Amino acid sequence: MNTFNRRCWMGSALLTAVSYGFVSSNAEEPAKAPEAKWPPMGYAKVVVYHFQTEKNHVQIWNKDGLDEEALKKCTVKSAELSKSQIDDFLKAGLSDADEPPTYRCYDPHHVFVFRDKDDHFMGALEICFHCFGSRYSPARPEGKRPDYPALAKLCEKLVGMEDGVTAAAISKRLGDGN
């Protein structure tokens, strides 16, 4: 074998060994941050808020996440969920329900917020009952979606709904019948 062919063969063999993991480099790979999951781990409580942004011309989200001051400014009513209500909420938030038709208005009036023991924001599920849009923070698990009728029942019971919207009407609109 001439020198050129030997170098080509050695280069090819080395490339094959590296690609199959037979040879490793001494350089350490940078540590990856753990992927955030919904619901966030270690939360101490869940609080649901009914809010009206249009009256106050505010957005409750900014580039850093939930804007606590904006939410406080436009909150109509809030309530902390009991353990059984949290169970119902998590079941409804991670549903296998069919994807409802969406109408793209996205004018939400309810947000469920996960908080730690020091009352700091950890994650959320924001819901628009008009267009059946939602916003998960962190992102929702693949293939899961909100069960809008179940979430509407929780909101109606705990903090109320916006004018003209009822849990029964949402169930009927989605053909749930409950």
N, C-alpha and C. Protein backbone atom coordinates (compact mmCIF):
# COMPACT_ATOMS: atom_id res chain seq x y z
N MET A 1 0.86 -1.17 0.00
CA MET A 1 0.00 0.00 0.00
C MET A 1 0.90 1.23 0.00
N ASN A 2 0.64 2.16 -0.92
CA ASN A 2 1.48 3.36 -0.95
C ASN A 2 1.07 4.31 0.18
N THR A 3 1.86 5.32 0.41
CA THR A 3 1.66 6.25 1.52
C THR A 3 0.31 6.96 1.43
N PHE A 4 -0.08 7.39 0.24
CA PHE A 4 -1.36 8.09 0.06
C PHE A 4 -2.53 7.18 0.45
N ASN A 5 -2.53 5.94 -0.06
CA ASN A 5 -3.62 5.00 0.24
C ASN A 5 -3.66 4.65 1.72
N ARG A 6 -2.47 4.50 2.34
CA ARG A 6 -2.41 4.18 3.76
C ARG A 6 -3.01 5.32 4.58
N ARG A 7 -2.70 6.58 4.23
CA ARG A 7 -3.26 7.74 4.95
C ARG A 7 -4.78 7.81 4.76
N CYS A 8 -5.25 7.57 3.56
CA CYS A 8 -6.70 7.57 3.30
C CYS A 8 -7.39 6.48 4.12
N TRP A 9 -6.77 5.28 4.14
CA TRP A 9 -7.36 4.18 4.87
C TRP A 9 -7.38 4.48 6.37
N MET A 10 -6.27 5.04 6.92
CA MET A 10 -6.19 5.36 8.34
C MET A 10 -7.19 6.46 8.69
N GLY A 11 -7.31 7.46 7.82
CA GLY A 11 -8.28 8.53 8.06
C GLY A 11 -9.69 8.01 8.06
N SER A 12 -9.98 7.11 7.12
CA SER A 12 -11.31 6.52 7.04
C SER A 12 -11.59 5.66 8.27
N ALA A 13 -10.60 4.90 8.71
CA ALA A 13 -10.77 4.04 9.90
C ALA A 13 -10.97 4.89 11.14
N LEU A 14 -10.20 5.97 11.28
CA LEU A 14 -10.35 6.85 12.43
C LEU A 14 -11.72 7.51 12.44
N LEU A 15 -12.16 7.98 11.29
CA LEU A 15 -13.48 8.60 11.18
C LEU A 15 -14.57 7.61 11.56
N THR A 16 -14.46 6.37 11.11
CA THR A 16 -15.43 5.33 11.45
C THR A 16 -15.41 5.05 12.95
N ALA A 17 -14.23 4.97 13.54
CA ALA A 17 -14.11 4.69 14.98
C ALA A 17 -14.72 5.81 15.80
N VAL A 18 -14.50 7.05 15.42
CA VAL A 18 -15.07 8.18 16.15
C VAL A 18 -16.58 8.18 16.02
N SER A 19 -17.08 7.94 14.80
CA SER A 19 -18.53 8.00 14.60
C SER A 19 -19.26 6.88 15.34
N TYR A 20 -18.62 5.74 15.54
CA TYR A 20 -19.25 4.65 16.28
C TYR A 20 -18.92 4.69 17.77
N GLY A 21 -18.17 5.71 18.20
CA GLY A 21 -17.90 5.86 19.62
C GLY A 21 -16.74 5.03 20.12
N PHE A 22 -15.92 4.46 19.23
CA PHE A 22 -14.79 3.65 19.67
C PHE A 22 -13.64 4.52 20.17
N VAL A 23 -13.58 5.76 19.72
CA VAL A 23 -12.55 6.69 20.13
C VAL A 23 -13.25 7.91 20.70
N SER A 24 -12.79 8.39 21.83
CA SER A 24 -13.42 9.57 22.41
C SER A 24 -12.39 10.66 22.56
N SER A 25 -12.84 11.88 22.61
CA SER A 25 -11.92 12.99 22.81
C SER A 25 -11.77 13.22 24.30
N ASN A 26 -10.72 13.92 24.67
CA ASN A 26 -10.50 14.24 26.08
C ASN A 26 -11.32 15.45 26.51
N ALA A 27 -11.82 16.19 25.56
CA ALA A 27 -12.60 17.38 25.89
C ALA A 27 -13.96 16.97 26.47
N GLU A 28 -14.32 17.60 27.57
CA GLU A 28 -15.62 17.30 28.18
C GLU A 28 -16.70 18.09 27.47
N GLU A 29 -17.85 17.47 27.30
CA GLU A 29 -18.97 18.16 26.70
C GLU A 29 -19.60 19.07 27.75
N PRO A 30 -20.05 20.25 27.33
CA PRO A 30 -20.69 21.14 28.30
C PRO A 30 -21.95 20.49 28.86
N ALA A 31 -22.18 20.72 30.14
CA ALA A 31 -23.38 20.16 30.78
C ALA A 31 -24.61 20.85 30.22
N LYS A 32 -25.62 20.06 29.93
CA LYS A 32 -26.88 20.61 29.44
C LYS A 32 -27.79 20.92 30.62
N ALA A 33 -28.48 22.04 30.53
CA ALA A 33 -29.45 22.38 31.56
C ALA A 33 -30.61 21.40 31.46
N PRO A 34 -31.15 20.98 32.59
CA PRO A 34 -32.28 20.06 32.51
C PRO A 34 -33.46 20.74 31.82
N GLU A 35 -34.16 19.99 30.99
CA GLU A 35 -35.30 20.53 30.27
C GLU A 35 -36.45 20.77 31.25
N ALA A 36 -37.00 21.98 31.19
CA ALA A 36 -38.12 22.31 32.06
C ALA A 36 -39.35 21.53 31.63
N LYS A 37 -40.11 21.08 32.59
CA LYS A 37 -41.30 20.29 32.29
C LYS A 37 -42.51 20.91 32.97
N TRP A 38 -43.67 20.65 32.36
CA TRP A 38 -44.93 21.10 32.93
C TRP A 38 -45.68 19.88 33.42
N PRO A 39 -46.15 19.85 34.63
CA PRO A 39 -46.04 20.91 35.62
C PRO A 39 -44.65 20.96 36.23
N PRO A 40 -44.24 22.13 36.73
CA PRO A 40 -42.92 22.24 37.33
C PRO A 40 -42.82 21.40 38.61
N MET A 41 -41.65 20.87 38.86
CA MET A 41 -41.43 20.05 40.05
C MET A 41 -41.22 20.95 41.26
N GLY A 42 -41.70 20.50 42.41
CA GLY A 42 -41.43 21.19 43.67
C GLY A 42 -42.31 22.38 43.98
N TYR A 43 -43.41 22.53 43.28
CA TYR A 43 -44.29 23.67 43.58
C TYR A 43 -44.96 23.43 44.94
N ALA A 44 -45.29 24.53 45.60
CA ALA A 44 -45.94 24.45 46.91
C ALA A 44 -47.44 24.69 46.82
N LYS A 45 -47.86 25.45 45.80
CA LYS A 45 -49.28 25.73 45.65
C LYS A 45 -49.59 26.14 44.22
N VAL A 46 -50.88 26.13 43.91
CA VAL A 46 -51.38 26.60 42.63
C VAL A 46 -52.46 27.63 42.91
N VAL A 47 -52.36 28.76 42.24
CA VAL A 47 -53.34 29.84 42.40
C VAL A 47 -53.93 30.13 41.03
N VAL A 48 -55.26 30.24 40.97
CA VAL A 48 -55.93 30.60 39.72
C VAL A 48 -56.32 32.08 39.81
N TYR A 49 -56.12 32.78 38.71
CA TYR A 49 -56.45 34.20 38.62
C TYR A 49 -57.45 34.41 37.49
N HIS A 50 -58.46 35.23 37.77
CA HIS A 50 -59.36 35.75 36.74
C HIS A 50 -58.92 37.19 36.56
N PHE A 51 -58.54 37.55 35.35
CA PHE A 51 -58.01 38.89 35.12
C PHE A 51 -58.65 39.54 33.90
N GLN A 52 -58.58 40.87 33.85
CA GLN A 52 -59.12 41.67 32.75
C GLN A 52 -58.03 42.61 32.28
N THR A 53 -57.35 42.27 31.20
CA THR A 53 -56.26 43.12 30.71
C THR A 53 -56.74 44.31 29.90
N GLU A 54 -57.88 44.15 29.22
CA GLU A 54 -58.32 45.23 28.34
C GLU A 54 -58.68 46.51 29.09
N LYS A 55 -59.16 46.40 30.33
CA LYS A 55 -59.49 47.59 31.11
C LYS A 55 -58.24 48.35 31.53
N ASN A 56 -57.15 47.63 31.73
CA ASN A 56 -55.92 48.24 32.23
C ASN A 56 -54.84 48.38 31.15
N HIS A 57 -55.11 47.88 29.96
CA HIS A 57 -54.16 47.96 28.84
C HIS A 57 -52.78 47.43 29.23
N VAL A 58 -52.77 46.25 29.83
CA VAL A 58 -51.50 45.63 30.24
C VAL A 58 -51.42 44.21 29.67
N GLN A 59 -50.21 43.72 29.59
CA GLN A 59 -49.94 42.33 29.25
C GLN A 59 -49.37 41.67 30.49
N ILE A 60 -49.80 40.45 30.78
CA ILE A 60 -49.30 39.80 32.00
C ILE A 60 -48.01 39.01 31.74
N TRP A 61 -47.54 38.97 30.50
CA TRP A 61 -46.30 38.29 30.17
C TRP A 61 -45.29 39.29 29.63
N ASN A 62 -44.03 39.10 29.98
CA ASN A 62 -42.95 39.87 29.38
C ASN A 62 -41.85 38.91 28.98
N LYS A 63 -40.73 39.42 28.52
CA LYS A 63 -39.65 38.55 28.02
C LYS A 63 -39.10 37.62 29.10
N ASP A 64 -39.29 37.95 30.37
CA ASP A 64 -38.78 37.14 31.47
C ASP A 64 -39.80 36.15 32.02
N GLY A 65 -41.03 36.21 31.53
CA GLY A 65 -42.08 35.31 32.02
C GLY A 65 -43.28 36.09 32.50
N LEU A 66 -43.89 35.62 33.57
CA LEU A 66 -45.08 36.27 34.12
C LEU A 66 -44.71 37.60 34.77
N ASP A 67 -45.42 38.64 34.42
CA ASP A 67 -45.22 39.96 35.01
C ASP A 67 -46.15 40.07 36.22
N GLU A 68 -45.60 39.83 37.40
CA GLU A 68 -46.40 39.79 38.64
C GLU A 68 -47.14 41.10 38.91
N GLU A 69 -46.48 42.22 38.66
CA GLU A 69 -47.12 43.52 38.90
C GLU A 69 -48.30 43.74 37.96
N ALA A 70 -48.14 43.37 36.70
CA ALA A 70 -49.23 43.51 35.73
C ALA A 70 -50.39 42.61 36.12
N LEU A 71 -50.09 41.37 36.53
CA LEU A 71 -51.16 40.46 36.94
C LEU A 71 -51.90 41.01 38.15
N LYS A 72 -51.16 41.52 39.10
CA LYS A 72 -51.78 42.09 40.31
C LYS A 72 -52.70 43.26 39.94
N LYS A 73 -52.26 44.07 38.99
CA LYS A 73 -53.00 45.25 38.57
C LYS A 73 -54.34 44.91 37.91
N CYS A 74 -54.39 43.79 37.19
CA CYS A 74 -55.60 43.48 36.43
C CYS A 74 -56.40 42.28 36.98
N THR A 75 -56.03 41.77 38.16
CA THR A 75 -56.74 40.64 38.74
C THR A 75 -58.12 41.05 39.24
N VAL A 76 -59.13 40.31 38.81
CA VAL A 76 -60.49 40.50 39.28
C VAL A 76 -60.68 39.70 40.57
N LYS A 77 -60.20 38.45 40.54
CA LYS A 77 -60.32 37.56 41.70
C LYS A 77 -59.26 36.47 41.57
N SER A 78 -58.78 35.99 42.70
CA SER A 78 -57.84 34.87 42.70
C SER A 78 -58.21 33.91 43.83
N ALA A 79 -57.76 32.67 43.69
CA ALA A 79 -58.04 31.66 44.72
C ALA A 79 -56.96 30.60 44.69
N GLU A 80 -56.54 30.16 45.86
CA GLU A 80 -55.60 29.06 45.96
C GLU A 80 -56.37 27.75 45.88
N LEU A 81 -55.87 26.81 45.09
CA LEU A 81 -56.53 25.52 44.91
C LEU A 81 -56.22 24.59 46.08
N SER A 82 -57.22 23.80 46.47
CA SER A 82 -57.02 22.76 47.48
C SER A 82 -56.28 21.59 46.82
N LYS A 83 -55.86 20.63 47.62
CA LYS A 83 -55.15 19.46 47.09
C LYS A 83 -56.01 18.74 46.06
N SER A 84 -57.29 18.51 46.34
CA SER A 84 -58.15 17.80 45.37
C SER A 84 -58.38 18.65 44.12
N GLN A 85 -58.45 19.96 44.27
CA GLN A 85 -58.60 20.84 43.11
C GLN A 85 -57.33 20.85 42.26
N ILE A 86 -56.17 20.78 42.92
CA ILE A 86 -54.91 20.69 42.17
C ILE A 86 -54.89 19.40 41.36
N ASP A 87 -55.34 18.30 41.97
CA ASP A 87 -55.41 17.02 41.24
C ASP A 87 -56.31 17.14 40.02
N ASP A 88 -57.48 17.77 40.20
CA ASP A 88 -58.41 17.97 39.08
C ASP A 88 -57.78 18.87 38.00
N PHE A 89 -57.10 19.92 38.45
CA PHE A 89 -56.45 20.85 37.52
C PHE A 89 -55.36 20.14 36.71
N LEU A 90 -54.51 19.37 37.37
CA LEU A 90 -53.43 18.67 36.65
C LEU A 90 -53.99 17.68 35.64
N LYS A 91 -55.06 16.99 36.04
CA LYS A 91 -55.70 16.06 35.11
C LYS A 91 -56.26 16.82 33.89
N ALA A 92 -56.89 17.95 34.14
CA ALA A 92 -57.46 18.76 33.05
C ALA A 92 -56.38 19.45 32.22
N GLY A 93 -55.27 19.80 32.85
CA GLY A 93 -54.20 20.47 32.14
C GLY A 93 -53.36 19.55 31.28
N LEU A 94 -53.38 18.26 31.62
CA LEU A 94 -52.60 17.25 30.87
C LEU A 94 -53.53 16.22 30.26
N SER A 95 -54.53 16.69 29.59
CA SER A 95 -55.58 15.84 29.03
C SER A 95 -55.19 15.23 27.69
N ASP A 96 -55.83 14.12 27.39
CA ASP A 96 -55.73 13.51 26.07
C ASP A 96 -56.94 13.89 25.21
N ALA A 97 -57.68 14.90 25.66
CA ALA A 97 -58.89 15.34 24.95
C ALA A 97 -58.54 15.73 23.52
N ASP A 98 -59.54 15.62 22.66
CA ASP A 98 -59.35 16.05 21.27
C ASP A 98 -59.02 17.53 21.23
N GLU A 99 -58.21 17.90 20.26
CA GLU A 99 -57.86 19.31 20.07
C GLU A 99 -59.12 20.04 19.61
N PRO A 100 -59.56 21.05 20.34
CA PRO A 100 -60.77 21.77 19.92
C PRO A 100 -60.47 22.69 18.75
N PRO A 101 -61.50 23.11 18.04
CA PRO A 101 -61.27 24.11 16.99
C PRO A 101 -60.82 25.40 17.66
N THR A 102 -59.89 26.09 17.07
CA THR A 102 -59.45 27.36 17.64
C THR A 102 -59.87 28.50 16.72
N TYR A 103 -60.09 29.65 17.33
CA TYR A 103 -60.60 30.80 16.59
C TYR A 103 -59.62 31.95 16.56
N ARG A 104 -58.48 31.78 17.16
CA ARG A 104 -57.34 32.70 17.09
C ARG A 104 -57.55 34.10 17.66
N CYS A 105 -58.51 34.30 18.52
CA CYS A 105 -58.65 35.63 19.12
C CYS A 105 -57.61 35.80 20.23
N TYR A 106 -57.33 34.78 20.93
CA TYR A 106 -56.49 34.70 22.12
C TYR A 106 -56.58 35.94 22.99
N ASP A 107 -57.66 35.99 23.74
CA ASP A 107 -57.95 37.04 24.71
C ASP A 107 -58.20 36.35 26.05
N PRO A 108 -57.14 35.81 26.67
CA PRO A 108 -57.32 35.03 27.89
C PRO A 108 -57.75 35.87 29.08
N HIS A 109 -58.47 35.22 29.99
CA HIS A 109 -58.91 35.88 31.22
C HIS A 109 -58.61 35.04 32.45
N HIS A 110 -57.95 33.89 32.27
CA HIS A 110 -57.64 33.00 33.40
C HIS A 110 -56.23 32.45 33.27
N VAL A 111 -55.55 32.38 34.39
CA VAL A 111 -54.23 31.76 34.43
C VAL A 111 -54.09 31.00 35.75
N PHE A 112 -53.63 29.77 35.66
CA PHE A 112 -53.30 28.96 36.82
C PHE A 112 -51.79 29.08 37.01
N VAL A 113 -51.36 29.51 38.19
CA VAL A 113 -49.94 29.77 38.43
C VAL A 113 -49.40 28.84 39.52
N PHE A 114 -48.29 28.17 39.20
CA PHE A 114 -47.58 27.36 40.18
C PHE A 114 -46.63 28.27 40.94
N ARG A 115 -46.62 28.14 42.27
CA ARG A 115 -45.75 28.97 43.11
C ARG A 115 -44.95 28.08 44.07
N ASP A 116 -43.74 28.53 44.39
CA ASP A 116 -42.92 27.78 45.34
C ASP A 116 -43.28 28.21 46.77
N LYS A 117 -42.57 27.67 47.74
CA LYS A 117 -42.89 27.95 49.15
C LYS A 117 -42.70 29.42 49.51
N ASP A 118 -41.89 30.16 48.73
CA ASP A 118 -41.69 31.59 48.96
C ASP A 118 -42.59 32.45 48.09
N ASP A 119 -43.58 31.81 47.45
CA ASP A 119 -44.58 32.48 46.62
C ASP A 119 -44.02 33.00 45.29
N HIS A 120 -42.90 32.46 44.83
CA HIS A 120 -42.33 32.85 43.55
C HIS A 120 -42.94 32.02 42.42
N PHE A 121 -43.06 32.66 41.27
CA PHE A 121 -43.58 32.02 40.06
C PHE A 121 -42.70 30.85 39.63
N MET A 122 -43.33 29.71 39.30
CA MET A 122 -42.61 28.54 38.80
C MET A 122 -43.11 28.07 37.44
N GLY A 123 -44.35 28.37 37.13
CA GLY A 123 -44.94 27.92 35.88
C GLY A 123 -46.40 28.31 35.84
N ALA A 124 -47.03 28.09 34.67
CA ALA A 124 -48.42 28.52 34.54
C ALA A 124 -49.11 27.82 33.38
N LEU A 125 -50.43 27.90 33.42
CA LEU A 125 -51.27 27.54 32.28
C LEU A 125 -52.29 28.66 32.14
N GLU A 126 -52.18 29.39 31.03
CA GLU A 126 -53.10 30.48 30.72
C GLU A 126 -54.11 29.97 29.70
N ILE A 127 -55.38 30.35 29.88
CA ILE A 127 -56.47 29.81 29.07
C ILE A 127 -57.33 30.92 28.49
N CYS A 128 -57.67 30.77 27.21
CA CYS A 128 -58.68 31.62 26.59
C CYS A 128 -59.89 30.73 26.28
N PHE A 129 -60.98 30.97 26.97
CA PHE A 129 -62.19 30.18 26.76
C PHE A 129 -62.99 30.65 25.54
N HIS A 130 -62.61 31.77 24.94
CA HIS A 130 -63.29 32.23 23.73
C HIS A 130 -62.81 31.47 22.49
N CYS A 131 -61.48 31.35 22.37
CA CYS A 131 -60.93 30.72 21.16
C CYS A 131 -60.32 29.34 21.42
N PHE A 132 -60.32 28.91 22.68
CA PHE A 132 -59.71 27.63 23.09
C PHE A 132 -58.21 27.61 22.79
N GLY A 133 -57.58 28.72 23.10
CA GLY A 133 -56.13 28.81 23.03
C GLY A 133 -55.56 28.66 24.43
N SER A 134 -54.28 28.33 24.51
CA SER A 134 -53.63 28.17 25.80
C SER A 134 -52.16 28.51 25.70
N ARG A 135 -51.58 28.80 26.84
CA ARG A 135 -50.14 29.06 26.93
C ARG A 135 -49.63 28.34 28.16
N TYR A 136 -48.71 27.40 27.95
CA TYR A 136 -48.08 26.66 29.04
C TYR A 136 -46.70 27.26 29.30
N SER A 137 -46.34 27.37 30.56
CA SER A 137 -45.00 27.79 30.94
C SER A 137 -44.56 26.94 32.11
N PRO A 138 -43.55 26.10 31.95
CA PRO A 138 -42.84 25.77 30.72
C PRO A 138 -43.76 25.04 29.74
N ALA A 139 -43.23 24.69 28.60
CA ALA A 139 -44.02 24.09 27.52
C ALA A 139 -44.74 22.81 27.97
N ARG A 140 -45.90 22.58 27.39
CA ARG A 140 -46.68 21.38 27.72
C ARG A 140 -46.01 20.13 27.16
N PRO A 141 -46.25 19.01 27.78
CA PRO A 141 -45.73 17.75 27.24
C PRO A 141 -46.37 17.44 25.88
N GLU A 142 -45.60 16.84 25.01
CA GLU A 142 -46.06 16.48 23.67
C GLU A 142 -47.32 15.63 23.75
N GLY A 143 -48.32 15.97 22.94
CA GLY A 143 -49.55 15.18 22.86
C GLY A 143 -50.58 15.49 23.94
N LYS A 144 -50.26 16.38 24.87
CA LYS A 144 -51.20 16.75 25.93
C LYS A 144 -51.78 18.12 25.62
N ARG A 145 -53.00 18.34 26.10
CA ARG A 145 -53.65 19.61 25.87
C ARG A 145 -54.67 19.85 26.98
N PRO A 146 -55.17 21.08 27.06
CA PRO A 146 -56.15 21.38 28.10
C PRO A 146 -57.50 20.72 27.83
N ASP A 147 -58.15 20.33 28.89
CA ASP A 147 -59.55 19.91 28.85
C ASP A 147 -60.35 21.16 29.23
N TYR A 148 -60.77 21.91 28.22
CA TYR A 148 -61.40 23.21 28.46
C TYR A 148 -62.66 23.14 29.31
N PRO A 149 -63.58 22.19 29.09
CA PRO A 149 -64.76 22.13 29.96
C PRO A 149 -64.40 21.90 31.43
N ALA A 150 -63.43 21.02 31.70
CA ALA A 150 -63.03 20.77 33.10
C ALA A 150 -62.36 21.99 33.71
N LEU A 151 -61.52 22.68 32.95
CA LEU A 151 -60.88 23.90 33.46
C LEU A 151 -61.90 25.01 33.67
N ALA A 152 -62.89 25.10 32.77
CA ALA A 152 -63.94 26.12 32.92
C ALA A 152 -64.74 25.88 34.20
N LYS A 153 -65.02 24.62 34.52
CA LYS A 153 -65.76 24.31 35.76
C LYS A 153 -64.97 24.76 36.98
N LEU A 154 -63.65 24.51 36.98
CA LEU A 154 -62.81 24.95 38.09
C LEU A 154 -62.81 26.48 38.20
N CYS A 155 -62.61 27.15 37.07
CA CYS A 155 -62.58 28.61 37.08
C CYS A 155 -63.91 29.19 37.54
N GLU A 156 -65.00 28.65 37.01
CA GLU A 156 -66.33 29.15 37.37
C GLU A 156 -66.57 29.02 38.87
N LYS A 157 -66.16 27.91 39.44
CA LYS A 157 -66.36 27.65 40.87
C LYS A 157 -65.46 28.53 41.74
N LEU A 158 -64.21 28.73 41.31
CA LEU A 158 -63.24 29.40 42.17
C LEU A 158 -63.13 30.92 41.99
N VAL A 159 -63.16 31.39 40.75
CA VAL A 159 -62.91 32.81 40.51
C VAL A 159 -63.90 33.47 39.56
N GLY A 160 -64.83 32.70 39.02
CA GLY A 160 -65.81 33.25 38.10
C GLY A 160 -65.29 33.33 36.68
N MET A 161 -66.21 33.59 35.78
CA MET A 161 -65.90 33.66 34.35
C MET A 161 -66.19 35.08 33.87
N GLU A 162 -65.68 35.40 32.68
CA GLU A 162 -65.98 36.71 32.11
C GLU A 162 -67.45 36.73 31.68
N ASP A 163 -67.98 37.90 31.50
CA ASP A 163 -69.40 38.06 31.17
C ASP A 163 -69.81 37.22 29.96
N GLY A 164 -70.92 36.53 30.10
CA GLY A 164 -71.48 35.77 28.99
C GLY A 164 -70.86 34.41 28.76
N VAL A 165 -69.88 34.01 29.55
CA VAL A 165 -69.22 32.72 29.38
C VAL A 165 -69.53 31.85 30.59
N THR A 166 -69.96 30.62 30.32
CA THR A 166 -70.22 29.67 31.40
C THR A 166 -69.56 28.34 31.07
N ALA A 167 -69.31 27.56 32.11
CA ALA A 167 -68.73 26.23 31.90
C ALA A 167 -69.69 25.36 31.09
N ALA A 168 -70.98 25.49 31.36
CA ALA A 168 -71.98 24.70 30.62
C ALA A 168 -71.97 25.06 29.12
N ALA A 169 -71.85 26.35 28.82
CA ALA A 169 -71.81 26.78 27.42
C ALA A 169 -70.55 26.27 26.72
N ILE A 170 -69.44 26.25 27.43
CA ILE A 170 -68.20 25.74 26.84
C ILE A 170 -68.32 24.25 26.57
N SER A 171 -68.87 23.51 27.51
CA SER A 171 -69.09 22.07 27.31
C SER A 171 -69.99 21.82 26.11
N LYS A 172 -71.06 22.60 26.02
CA LYS A 172 -72.00 22.44 24.89
C LYS A 172 -71.31 22.79 23.58
N ARG A 173 -70.55 23.86 23.57
CA ARG A 173 -69.86 24.29 22.35
C ARG A 173 -68.86 23.25 21.84
N LEU A 174 -68.24 22.55 22.79
CA LEU A 174 -67.28 21.51 22.41
C LEU A 174 -67.92 20.15 22.28
N GLY A 175 -69.24 20.07 22.49
CA GLY A 175 -69.94 18.79 22.35
C GLY A 175 -69.67 17.81 23.47
N ASP A 176 -69.23 18.35 24.62
CA ASP A 176 -68.91 17.51 25.78
C ASP A 176 -70.17 17.03 26.48
N GLY A 177 -71.14 17.91 26.58
CA GLY A 177 -72.42 17.53 27.18
C GLY A 177 -72.42 17.45 28.69
N ASN A 178 -71.28 17.70 29.36
CA ASN A 178 -71.26 17.62 30.83
C ASN A 178 -71.69 18.90 31.46
